Amino acid sequence: MIYVVFSCIYRQKHGPTVESTPDTPKTAAVVLELLETLFGCGHALWIDNFFSSPELARKLKIEHSTDYVGTLKLNRKNVPKEVNDKKLEKGKS
């Protein structure tokens, strides 16, 4: 079962209280702020490609023990070359 636990309206001028850094994009900062109270509870995050980034995946798994599933835009910064070069057959994941 999937539940919406927290939501917020993203307003560009009034962004997240978690500051973005070179290794944490602003979209990742929004996700980290929303999930702050859920870290370490054994939850998995399902996310779309607007918020997905390699930095967010690493931070969630390594720093917060939170699993992450989602799509990734291949033109995002810091996408590993192995991922970018991988060609999938139709219907494969």
C-alpha atoms as a PDB file:
ATOM      1  CA  MET A   1       0.000   0.000   0.000  1.00  0.00           C
ATOM      2  CA  ILE A   2       1.215   3.531  -0.768  1.00  0.00           C
ATOM      3  CA  TYR A   3       0.366   6.546   1.358  1.00  0.00           C
ATOM      4  CA  VAL A   4       0.995  10.254   0.965  1.00  0.00           C
ATOM      5  CA  VAL A   5       2.427  11.232   4.343  1.00  0.00           C
ATOM      6  CA  PHE A   6       3.691  14.769   3.799  1.00  0.00           C
ATOM      7  CA  SER A   7       3.350  17.287   1.022  1.00  0.00           C
ATOM      8  CA  CYS A   8       4.247  20.898   0.458  1.00  0.00           C
ATOM      9  CA  ILE A   9       3.841  23.362  -2.344  1.00  0.00           C
ATOM     10  CA  TYR A  10       7.213  24.161  -3.828  1.00  0.00           C
ATOM     11  CA  ARG A  11       7.633  27.892  -4.355  1.00  0.00           C
ATOM     12  CA  GLN A  12      10.910  28.775  -5.996  1.00  0.00           C
ATOM     13  CA  LYS A  13      11.479  32.007  -4.028  1.00  0.00           C
ATOM     14  CA  HIS A  14      10.679  30.355  -0.698  1.00  0.00           C
ATOM     15  CA  GLY A  15      12.481  27.063  -1.063  1.00  0.00           C
ATOM     16  CA  PRO A  16      13.283  24.413   1.509  1.00  0.00           C
ATOM     17  CA  THR A  17      14.827  25.202   4.867  1.00  0.00           C
ATOM     18  CA  VAL A  18      17.466  22.573   4.064  1.00  0.00           C
ATOM     19  CA  GLU A  19      20.065  24.452   2.074  1.00  0.00           C
ATOM     20  CA  SER A  20      21.164  23.072  -1.256  1.00  0.00           C
ATOM     21  CA  THR A  21      24.892  22.530  -1.726  1.00  0.00           C
ATOM     22  CA  PRO A  22      26.996  21.476  -4.710  1.00  0.00           C
ATOM     23  CA  ASP A  23      26.489  17.822  -3.675  1.00  0.00           C
ATOM     24  CA  THR A  24      22.787  18.245  -2.774  1.00  0.00           C
ATOM     25  CA  PRO A  25      20.591  19.809  -5.487  1.00  0.00           C
ATOM     26  CA  LYS A  26      17.602  21.940  -4.436  1.00  0.00           C
ATOM     27  CA  THR A  27      15.144  19.230  -5.465  1.00  0.00           C
ATOM     28  CA  ALA A  28      16.992  16.766  -3.205  1.00  0.00           C
ATOM     29  CA  ALA A  29      16.879  19.287  -0.353  1.00  0.00           C
ATOM     30  CA  VAL A  30      13.075  19.423  -0.681  1.00  0.00           C
ATOM     31  CA  VAL A  31      12.843  15.626  -0.440  1.00  0.00           C
ATOM     32  CA  LEU A  32      15.204  15.506   2.550  1.00  0.00           C
ATOM     33  CA  GLU A  33      13.169  18.141   4.368  1.00  0.00           C
ATOM     34  CA  LEU A  34       9.884  16.309   3.799  1.00  0.00           C
ATOM     35  CA  LEU A  35      11.293  12.962   4.958  1.00  0.00           C
ATOM     36  CA  GLU A  36      13.171  14.242   7.991  1.00  0.00           C
ATOM     37  CA  THR A  37      10.825  12.639  10.540  1.00  0.00           C
ATOM     38  CA  LEU A  38      10.708   9.303   8.673  1.00  0.00           C
ATOM     39  CA  PHE A  39      14.434   8.527   8.468  1.00  0.00           C
ATOM     40  CA  GLY A  40      15.493   5.272  10.061  1.00  0.00           C
ATOM     41  CA  CYS A  41      11.948   3.849  10.160  1.00  0.00           C
ATOM     42  CA  GLY A  42      12.440   1.253   7.424  1.00  0.00           C
ATOM     43  CA  HIS A  43      10.457   3.085   4.763  1.00  0.00           C
ATOM     44  CA  ALA A  44      11.171   3.065   1.027  1.00  0.00           C
ATOM     45  CA  LEU A  45      10.734   6.182  -1.083  1.00  0.00           C
ATOM     46  CA  TRP A  46       9.150   5.990  -4.555  1.00  0.00           C
ATOM     47  CA  ILE A  47       9.984   9.128  -6.509  1.00  0.00           C
ATOM     48  CA  ASP A  48       9.597  10.568 -10.009  1.00  0.00           C
ATOM     49  CA  ASN A  49      12.366  11.833 -12.263  1.00  0.00           C
ATOM     50  CA  PHE A  50      11.926  15.527 -11.371  1.00  0.00           C
ATOM     51  CA  PHE A  51      13.356  14.884  -7.895  1.00  0.00           C
ATOM     52  CA  SER A  52      15.655  11.943  -8.733  1.00  0.00           C
ATOM     53  CA  SER A  53      19.397  12.387  -8.644  1.00  0.00           C
ATOM     54  CA  PRO A  54      22.405  10.188  -7.885  1.00  0.00           C
ATOM     55  CA  GLU A  55      23.240  12.495  -4.964  1.00  0.00           C
ATOM     56  CA  LEU A  56      19.801  12.010  -3.397  1.00  0.00           C
ATOM     57  CA  ALA A  57      19.973   8.220  -3.797  1.00  0.00           C
ATOM     58  CA  ARG A  58      23.409   8.093  -2.113  1.00  0.00           C
ATOM     59  CA  LYS A  59      22.402  10.433   0.708  1.00  0.00           C
ATOM     60  CA  LEU A  60      19.181   8.540   1.457  1.00  0.00           C
ATOM     61  CA  LYS A  61      20.873   5.125   1.489  1.00  0.00           C
ATOM     62  CA  ILE A  62      24.170   5.959   3.184  1.00  0.00           C
ATOM     63  CA  GLU A  63      23.220   8.715   5.639  1.00  0.00           C
ATOM     64  CA  HIS A  64      19.589   7.833   6.381  1.00  0.00           C
ATOM     65  CA  SER A  65      19.232   4.068   5.677  1.00  0.00           C
ATOM     66  CA  THR A  66      16.248   4.787   3.442  1.00  0.00           C
ATOM     67  CA  ASP A  67      15.648   2.824   0.235  1.00  0.00           C
ATOM     68  CA  TYR A  68      14.896   4.723  -2.958  1.00  0.00           C
ATOM     69  CA  VAL A  69      13.111   3.605  -6.127  1.00  0.00           C
ATOM     70  CA  GLY A  70      12.402   5.797  -9.121  1.00  0.00           C
ATOM     71  CA  THR A  71      13.131   6.934 -12.616  1.00  0.00           C
ATOM     72  CA  LEU A  72      16.188   8.976 -13.533  1.00  0.00           C
ATOM     73  CA  LYS A  73      16.757  11.508 -16.292  1.00  0.00           C
ATOM     74  CA  LEU A  74      19.984  10.456 -17.959  1.00  0.00           C
ATOM     75  CA  ASN A  75      20.956  14.076 -18.649  1.00  0.00           C
ATOM     76  CA  ARG A  76      21.167  14.857 -14.888  1.00  0.00           C
ATOM     77  CA  LYS A  77      24.521  15.880 -13.473  1.00  0.00           C
ATOM     78  CA  ASN A  78      26.653  13.123 -11.933  1.00  0.00           C
ATOM     79  CA  VAL A  79      24.849  10.191 -13.572  1.00  0.00           C
ATOM     80  CA  PRO A  80      27.479   7.416 -13.673  1.00  0.00           C
ATOM     81  CA  LYS A  81      28.808   6.644 -17.148  1.00  0.00           C
ATOM     82  CA  GLU A  82      27.878   2.962 -16.727  1.00  0.00           C
ATOM     83  CA  VAL A  83      24.233   3.935 -16.213  1.00  0.00           C
ATOM     84  CA  ASN A  84      24.222   6.439 -19.067  1.00  0.00           C
ATOM     85  CA  ASP A  85      25.762   3.953 -21.516  1.00  0.00           C
ATOM     86  CA  LYS A  86      23.470   1.043 -20.600  1.00  0.00           C
ATOM     87  CA  LYS A  87      20.998   0.150 -23.346  1.00  0.00           C
ATOM     88  CA  LEU A  88      17.904  -1.785 -22.304  1.00  0.00           C
ATOM     89  CA  GLU A  89      15.727  -3.870 -24.550  1.00  0.00           C
ATOM     90  CA  LYS A  90      12.101  -2.820 -24.845  1.00  0.00           C
ATOM     91  CA  GLY A  91      10.145  -4.002 -21.817  1.00  0.00           C
ATOM     92  CA  LYS A  92      13.244  -4.536 -19.613  1.00  0.00           C
ATOM     93  CA  SER A  93      14.212  -2.666 -16.489  1.00  0.00           C
END
